[in-house]
C-alpha atoms as a PDB file:
ATOM      1  CA  MET A   1      38.561   2.117 157.228  1.00  0.00           C
ATOM      2  CA  SER A   2      36.436   5.120 158.202  1.00  0.00           C
ATOM      3  CA  PRO A   3      36.520   8.435 156.434  1.00  0.00           C
ATOM      4  CA  VAL A   4      39.032  10.920 158.476  1.00  0.00           C
ATOM      5  CA  ARG A   5      37.175  13.581 160.088  1.00  0.00           C
ATOM      6  CA  TYR A   6      39.167  16.868 160.634  1.00  0.00           C
ATOM      7  CA  THR A   7      38.127  19.796 162.541  1.00  0.00           C
ATOM      8  CA  LEU A   8      38.921  23.432 161.372  1.00  0.00           C
ATOM      9  CA  ILE A   9      39.005  26.589 163.834  1.00  0.00           C
ATOM     10  CA  THR A  10      39.827  29.719 162.625  1.00  0.00           C
ATOM     11  CA  ASP A  11      40.897  33.184 164.061  1.00  0.00           C
ATOM     12  CA  GLY A  12      37.366  34.440 162.506  1.00  0.00           C
ATOM     13  CA  PRO A  13      34.488  32.954 160.887  1.00  0.00           C
ATOM     14  CA  SER A  14      34.998  34.749 157.529  1.00  0.00           C
ATOM     15  CA  ASP A  15      38.217  32.268 157.356  1.00  0.00           C
ATOM     16  CA  ARG A  16      35.702  29.032 157.294  1.00  0.00           C
ATOM     17  CA  CYS A  17      36.922  29.429 153.300  1.00  0.00           C
ATOM     18  CA  LEU A  18      39.698  27.770 154.242  1.00  0.00           C
ATOM     19  CA  ARG A  19      37.698  24.374 154.310  1.00  0.00           C
ATOM     20  CA  ARG A  20      37.780  24.401 150.583  1.00  0.00           C
ATOM     21  CA  ILE A  21      41.189  24.482 150.663  1.00  0.00           C
ATOM     22  CA  ILE A  22      41.799  22.077 153.097  1.00  0.00           C
ATOM     23  CA  ASN A  23      39.308  19.766 151.313  1.00  0.00           C
ATOM     24  CA  TRP A  24      41.497  20.176 147.758  1.00  0.00           C
ATOM     25  CA  VAL A  25      44.815  19.638 149.604  1.00  0.00           C
ATOM     26  CA  LEU A  26      43.330  16.378 151.637  1.00  0.00           C
ATOM     27  CA  GLU A  27      41.980  15.170 148.085  1.00  0.00           C
ATOM     28  CA  ALA A  28      45.298  14.987 146.701  1.00  0.00           C
ATOM     29  CA  ILE A  29      46.687  12.412 149.273  1.00  0.00           C
ATOM     30  CA  PRO A  30      45.959   9.122 148.339  1.00  0.00           C
ATOM     31  CA  GLY A  31      45.380   7.496 151.553  1.00  0.00           C
ATOM     32  CA  VAL A  32      42.851  10.074 152.197  1.00  0.00           C
ATOM     33  CA  ALA A  33      41.270  10.046 148.955  1.00  0.00           C
ATOM     34  CA  SER A  34      40.667   6.007 148.902  1.00  0.00           C
ATOM     35  CA  VAL A  35      38.688   6.839 152.360  1.00  0.00           C
ATOM     36  CA  GLY A  36      37.008   9.824 152.113  1.00  0.00           C
ATOM     37  CA  PHE A  37      37.127  12.481 154.565  1.00  0.00           C
ATOM     38  CA  VAL A  38      34.259  14.599 156.843  1.00  0.00           C
ATOM     39  CA  ASP A  39      35.015  18.337 157.391  1.00  0.00           C
ATOM     40  CA  GLN A  40      33.652  20.460 160.481  1.00  0.00           C
ATOM     41  CA  PHE A  41      34.138  23.391 161.060  1.00  0.00           C
ATOM     42  CA  ALA A  42      34.044  24.917 164.795  1.00  0.00           C
ATOM     43  CA  ASP A  43      32.278  27.782 165.254  1.00  0.00           C
ATOM     44  CA  VAL A  44      32.521  28.792 169.210  1.00  0.00           C
ATOM     45  CA  ARG A  45      30.225  32.160 168.793  1.00  0.00           C
ATOM     46  CA  GLU A  46      27.009  30.745 169.458  1.00  0.00           C
ATOM     47  CA  LEU A  47      27.782  29.095 172.742  1.00  0.00           C
ATOM     48  CA  SER A  48      26.676  30.849 175.825  1.00  0.00           C
ATOM     49  CA  GLU A  49      30.210  29.995 177.402  1.00  0.00           C
ATOM     50  CA  ARG A  50      32.923  31.338 175.151  1.00  0.00           C
ATOM     51  CA  PRO A  51      36.402  29.818 175.566  1.00  0.00           C
ATOM     52  CA  HIS A  52      39.234  32.127 176.548  1.00  0.00           C
ATOM     53  CA  GLY A  53      42.102  32.089 174.440  1.00  0.00           C
ATOM     54  CA  ARG A  54      43.757  29.792 172.077  1.00  0.00           C
ATOM     55  CA  GLY A  55      44.193  26.416 174.446  1.00  0.00           C
ATOM     56  CA  GLN A  56      40.719  26.831 175.547  1.00  0.00           C
ATOM     57  CA  LYS A  57      39.115  27.192 172.111  1.00  0.00           C
ATOM     58  CA  ALA A  58      40.764  24.047 170.670  1.00  0.00           C
ATOM     59  CA  LYS A  59      40.485  22.013 173.719  1.00  0.00           C
ATOM     60  CA  LEU A  60      36.332  23.104 173.182  1.00  0.00           C
ATOM     61  CA  ALA A  61      36.633  22.542 169.380  1.00  0.00           C
ATOM     62  CA  VAL A  62      37.704  18.811 169.932  1.00  0.00           C
ATOM     63  CA  LYS A  63      35.240  18.197 172.597  1.00  0.00           C
ATOM     64  CA  LEU A  64      32.476  19.383 170.678  1.00  0.00           C
ATOM     65  CA  PHE A  65      33.416  17.933 167.012  1.00  0.00           C
ATOM     66  CA  PRO A  66      35.656  15.376 167.580  1.00  0.00           C
ATOM     67  CA  CYS A  67      37.913  14.524 164.915  1.00  0.00           C
ATOM     68  CA  ASP A  68      41.084  12.583 163.744  1.00  0.00           C
ATOM     69  CA  VAL A  69      42.706  16.036 162.885  1.00  0.00           C
ATOM     70  CA  LEU A  70      42.488  19.183 163.765  1.00  0.00           C
ATOM     71  CA  PHE A  71      43.632  22.020 161.772  1.00  0.00           C
ATOM     72  CA  VAL A  72      44.258  25.370 163.616  1.00  0.00           C
ATOM     73  CA  HIS A  73      44.481  28.453 161.615  1.00  0.00           C
ATOM     74  CA  ARG A  74      46.249  31.705 162.816  1.00  0.00           C
ATOM     75  CA  ASP A  75      47.098  34.285 160.042  1.00  0.00           C
ATOM     76  CA  ALA A  76      50.770  35.375 160.333  1.00  0.00           C
ATOM     77  CA  GLU A  77      50.017  39.170 159.799  1.00  0.00           C
ATOM     78  CA  ARG A  78      52.662  41.567 161.290  1.00  0.00           C
ATOM     79  CA  ALA A  79      54.573  38.185 162.369  1.00  0.00           C
ATOM     80  CA  SER A  80      56.432  35.403 160.876  1.00  0.00           C
ATOM     81  CA  ARG A  81      55.056  31.932 160.106  1.00  0.00           C
ATOM     82  CA  ALA A  82      57.320  30.596 162.536  1.00  0.00           C
ATOM     83  CA  THR A  83      55.884  32.564 165.768  1.00  0.00           C
ATOM     84  CA  ARG A  84      52.446  31.633 164.399  1.00  0.00           C
ATOM     85  CA  VAL A  85      53.108  28.072 164.435  1.00  0.00           C
ATOM     86  CA  ASP A  86      54.643  28.477 167.846  1.00  0.00           C
ATOM     87  CA  GLU A  87      51.990  30.225 169.283  1.00  0.00           C
ATOM     88  CA  ILE A  88      49.612  26.816 168.095  1.00  0.00           C
ATOM     89  CA  ILE A  89      51.971  24.195 169.050  1.00  0.00           C
ATOM     90  CA  GLN A  90      51.300  26.263 172.901  1.00  0.00           C
ATOM     91  CA  ALA A  91      47.658  26.125 172.339  1.00  0.00           C
ATOM     92  CA  VAL A  92      47.023  22.544 171.628  1.00  0.00           C
ATOM     93  CA  GLN A  93      49.688  21.357 174.173  1.00  0.00           C
ATOM     94  CA  GLY A  94      47.560  18.975 176.657  1.00  0.00           C
ATOM     95  CA  ILE A  95      45.200  18.061 174.533  1.00  0.00           C
ATOM     96  CA  ALA A  96      45.356  13.902 174.351  1.00  0.00           C
ATOM     97  CA  LEU A  97      45.993  11.870 171.558  1.00  0.00           C
ATOM     98  CA  LEU A  98      45.810  15.104 169.429  1.00  0.00           C
ATOM     99  CA  ARG A  99      46.909  15.438 165.616  1.00  0.00           C
ATOM    100  CA  TYR A 100      46.992  18.870 164.572  1.00  0.00           C
ATOM    101  CA  VAL A 101      48.370  20.892 161.280  1.00  0.00           C
ATOM    102  CA  PRO A 102      48.783  24.465 161.693  1.00  0.00           C
ATOM    103  CA  VAL A 103      47.101  26.718 158.594  1.00  0.00           C
ATOM    104  CA  VAL A 104      49.353  29.928 158.892  1.00  0.00           C
ATOM    105  CA  PRO A 105      48.304  31.947 155.330  1.00  0.00           C
ATOM    106  CA  VAL A 106      50.902  34.779 154.993  1.00  0.00           C
ATOM    107  CA  ARG A 107      49.949  37.525 155.745  1.00  0.00           C
ATOM    108  CA  MET A 108      46.040  36.586 155.956  1.00  0.00           C
ATOM    109  CA  THR A 109      43.634  33.766 154.336  1.00  0.00           C
ATOM    110  CA  GLU A 110      42.539  36.167 151.804  1.00  0.00           C
ATOM    111  CA  ALA A 111      45.888  36.029 150.048  1.00  0.00           C
ATOM    112  CA  TRP A 112      45.205  32.435 149.174  1.00  0.00           C
ATOM    113  CA  LEU A 113      42.460  33.548 146.885  1.00  0.00           C
ATOM    114  CA  LEU A 114      43.898  35.976 144.946  1.00  0.00           C
ATOM    115  CA  ILE A 115      44.973  33.527 142.090  1.00  0.00           C
ATOM    116  CA  ASP A 116      41.954  33.332 139.983  1.00  0.00           C
ATOM    117  CA  GLU A 117      40.371  36.022 137.952  1.00  0.00           C
ATOM    118  CA  ARG A 118      37.422  34.318 136.721  1.00  0.00           C
ATOM    119  CA  ALA A 119      36.326  33.416 140.587  1.00  0.00           C
ATOM    120  CA  ILE A 120      36.272  36.835 141.456  1.00  0.00           C
ATOM    121  CA  ARG A 121      34.294  38.077 138.538  1.00  0.00           C
ATOM    122  CA  VAL A 122      31.615  35.452 139.317  1.00  0.00           C
ATOM    123  CA  ALA A 123      31.607  35.782 142.843  1.00  0.00           C
ATOM    124  CA  ALA A 124      31.308  39.414 141.871  1.00  0.00           C
ATOM    125  CA  GLY A 125      28.009  39.104 139.988  1.00  0.00           C
ATOM    126  CA  ASN A 126      29.242  39.946 136.968  1.00  0.00           C
ATOM    127  CA  PRO A 127      31.351  37.309 135.347  1.00  0.00           C
ATOM    128  CA  ASN A 128      30.847  38.961 131.498  1.00  0.00           C
ATOM    129  CA  GLY A 129      32.454  42.049 132.483  1.00  0.00           C
ATOM    130  CA  HIS A 130      35.560  43.404 131.227  1.00  0.00           C
ATOM    131  CA  VAL A 131      36.754  45.885 133.327  1.00  0.00           C
ATOM    132  CA  ALA A 132      40.380  45.518 134.204  1.00  0.00           C
ATOM    133  CA  LEU A 133      41.016  43.804 137.435  1.00  0.00           C
ATOM    134  CA  ASP A 134      44.770  44.545 138.995  1.00  0.00           C
ATOM    135  CA  ILE A 135      45.352  41.148 140.274  1.00  0.00           C
ATOM    136  CA  PRO A 136      48.697  40.778 142.135  1.00  0.00           C
ATOM    137  CA  PRO A 137      50.879  38.495 140.348  1.00  0.00           C
ATOM    138  CA  VAL A 138      51.277  35.122 142.832  1.00  0.00           C
ATOM    139  CA  GLY A 139      54.761  35.597 143.498  1.00  0.00           C
ATOM    140  CA  ARG A 140      53.549  38.920 145.083  1.00  0.00           C
ATOM    141  CA  LEU A 141      51.195  37.756 147.266  1.00  0.00           C
ATOM    142  CA  GLU A 142      52.915  37.073 150.702  1.00  0.00           C
ATOM    143  CA  SER A 143      53.975  40.417 150.352  1.00  0.00           C
ATOM    144  CA  LEU A 144      50.972  42.394 150.433  1.00  0.00           C
ATOM    145  CA  PRO A 145      49.943  44.603 153.509  1.00  0.00           C
ATOM    146  CA  ASP A 146      46.359  43.735 153.137  1.00  0.00           C
ATOM    147  CA  PRO A 147      45.115  40.717 151.134  1.00  0.00           C
ATOM    148  CA  LYS A 148      41.893  41.319 152.744  1.00  0.00           C
ATOM    149  CA  GLU A 149      41.138  44.798 151.248  1.00  0.00           C
ATOM    150  CA  THR A 150      43.082  43.527 148.069  1.00  0.00           C
ATOM    151  CA  LEU A 151      40.113  41.088 147.424  1.00  0.00           C
ATOM    152  CA  ARG A 152      37.253  43.129 148.650  1.00  0.00           C
ATOM    153  CA  ARG A 153      38.618  46.255 146.021  1.00  0.00           C
ATOM    154  CA  LEU A 154      39.112  43.362 143.109  1.00  0.00           C
ATOM    155  CA  LEU A 155      35.250  42.324 143.631  1.00  0.00           C
ATOM    156  CA  LEU A 156      33.784  45.658 144.036  1.00  0.00           C
ATOM    157  CA  THR A 157      35.694  46.699 140.915  1.00  0.00           C
ATOM    158  CA  ALA A 158      34.462  43.693 139.159  1.00  0.00           C
ATOM    159  CA  SER A 159      30.823  43.973 139.819  1.00  0.00           C
ATOM    160  CA  GLU A 160      30.922  47.513 138.033  1.00  0.00           C
ATOM    161  CA  LEU A 161      27.951  48.592 140.476  1.00  0.00           C
ATOM    162  CA  SER A 162      27.475  52.134 141.709  1.00  0.00           C
ATOM    163  CA  GLY A 163      25.267  53.972 144.186  1.00  0.00           C
ATOM    164  CA  ARG A 164      23.301  52.015 146.101  1.00  0.00           C
ATOM    165  CA  ARG A 165      23.649  48.479 144.253  1.00  0.00           C
ATOM    166  CA  ARG A 166      27.582  49.257 145.066  1.00  0.00           C
ATOM    167  CA  GLU A 167      26.861  49.973 148.722  1.00  0.00           C
ATOM    168  CA  LYS A 168      24.830  46.743 149.159  1.00  0.00           C
ATOM    169  CA  LEU A 169      27.525  44.670 147.573  1.00  0.00           C
ATOM    170  CA  LYS A 170      29.732  46.175 150.262  1.00  0.00           C
ATOM    171  CA  ARG A 171      27.645  44.543 152.966  1.00  0.00           C
ATOM    172  CA  ASP A 172      27.823  41.279 151.244  1.00  0.00           C
ATOM    173  CA  LEU A 173      31.170  40.997 150.910  1.00  0.00           C
ATOM    174  CA  PRO A 174      31.920  38.585 153.456  1.00  0.00           C
ATOM    175  CA  SER A 175      29.853  35.995 151.611  1.00  0.00           C
ATOM    176  CA  ARG A 176      31.097  36.690 148.281  1.00  0.00           C
ATOM    177  CA  VAL A 177      34.690  36.130 149.923  1.00  0.00           C
ATOM    178  CA  GLN A 178      33.552  32.605 150.343  1.00  0.00           C
ATOM    179  CA  ARG A 179      32.303  32.557 147.503  1.00  0.00           C
ATOM    180  CA  VAL A 180      35.756  33.054 145.608  1.00  0.00           C
ATOM    181  CA  ALA A 181      36.988  29.881 147.439  1.00  0.00           C
ATOM    182  CA  ASP A 182      34.174  28.094 146.365  1.00  0.00           C
ATOM    183  CA  LEU A 183      34.482  28.558 142.518  1.00  0.00           C
ATOM    184  CA  ILE A 184      38.244  27.858 142.790  1.00  0.00           C
ATOM    185  CA  ALA A 185      38.803  24.451 141.392  1.00  0.00           C
ATOM    186  CA  ASP A 186      42.082  24.561 141.500  1.00  0.00           C
ATOM    187  CA  PHE A 187      44.653  26.057 143.924  1.00  0.00           C
ATOM    188  CA  ASP A 188      48.167  24.594 142.132  1.00  0.00           C
ATOM    189  CA  LEU A 189      49.561  28.021 141.644  1.00  0.00           C
ATOM    190  CA  LEU A 190      49.793  28.471 145.521  1.00  0.00           C
ATOM    191  CA  ARG A 191      52.196  25.868 145.561  1.00  0.00           C
ATOM    192  CA  HIS A 192      54.596  28.542 144.443  1.00  0.00           C
ATOM    193  CA  LEU A 193      54.295  30.366 148.182  1.00  0.00           C
ATOM    194  CA  SER A 194      56.120  29.282 150.942  1.00  0.00           C
ATOM    195  CA  ALA A 195      53.654  29.369 153.504  1.00  0.00           C
ATOM    196  CA  PHE A 196      51.079  27.063 151.414  1.00  0.00           C
ATOM    197  CA  SER A 197      54.169  24.869 150.894  1.00  0.00           C
ATOM    198  CA  ALA A 198      54.254  24.166 154.464  1.00  0.00           C
ATOM    199  CA  PHE A 199      50.771  23.378 154.905  1.00  0.00           C
ATOM    200  CA  GLU A 200      50.666  21.038 152.203  1.00  0.00           C
ATOM    201  CA  SER A 201      53.631  19.075 153.655  1.00  0.00           C
ATOM    202  CA  ASP A 202      52.339  19.123 157.169  1.00  0.00           C
ATOM    203  CA  THR A 203      49.046  17.704 156.268  1.00  0.00           C
ATOM    204  CA  ALA A 204      50.204  14.814 153.978  1.00  0.00           C
ATOM    205  CA  ARG A 205      52.523  14.210 156.535  1.00  0.00           C
ATOM    206  CA  VAL A 206      50.195  13.807 159.384  1.00  0.00           C
ATOM    207  CA  LEU A 207      47.077  12.364 156.823  1.00  0.00           C
ATOM    208  CA  THR A 208      49.264   9.812 155.884  1.00  0.00           C
ATOM    209  CA  GLU A 209      50.165   8.823 159.317  1.00  0.00           C
ATOM    210  CA  ILE A 210      47.002   8.467 160.465  1.00  0.00           C
ATOM    211  CA  THR A 211      45.584   6.544 157.211  1.00  0.00           C
ATOM    212  CA  SER A 212      48.797   4.280 157.553  1.00  0.00           C
ATOM    213  CA  GLN A 213      47.878   3.498 161.249  1.00  0.00           C
ATOM    214  CA  ASN A 214      44.386   2.698 160.528  1.00  0.00           C
ATOM    215  CA  GLN A 215      44.392   0.148 157.543  1.00  0.00           C
END
């Protein structure tokens, strides 16, 4: 059997860090681990004719990045996970033979990166820093009003920079957030979060179906 090929579409380019989390989940699924997988990120920003609406974006992603399964990201933000999943279902309707998995962090992607102090310190460029970091306990991550701002604040604090060097780091924060994701070796703590548990369960179900049918 050939490696499983997946494509990820996201709310924005900074959410591409979800690939690291998806890959970690896939590596734990026996059927996928035995054949391997290929990950693709559907970045449609460079196209001369951009898609209008999530449905058109999903169709274009599948056309340009053919895959066995489409991971569709949507931050919950102020809505419920169920609401966002319904929106994803509507967006992918009509795409023939498509298997898909909703990826809906509560409230947003950065909440899933607030689990590893060491990764944050290294990504901030100050791995041996000792300044206290007020990292929320995992049980509070889904109730944070703005996880993106929380992670960015932690990166700035961890850097212990000031003046122009701090301003330079502020401009570089999107890549530092990606670096946090790359540095986290184990996302097991996320299994305490309902949204992540639902995502992992959906992923295991869909990927097991794919690998079983292709044996």
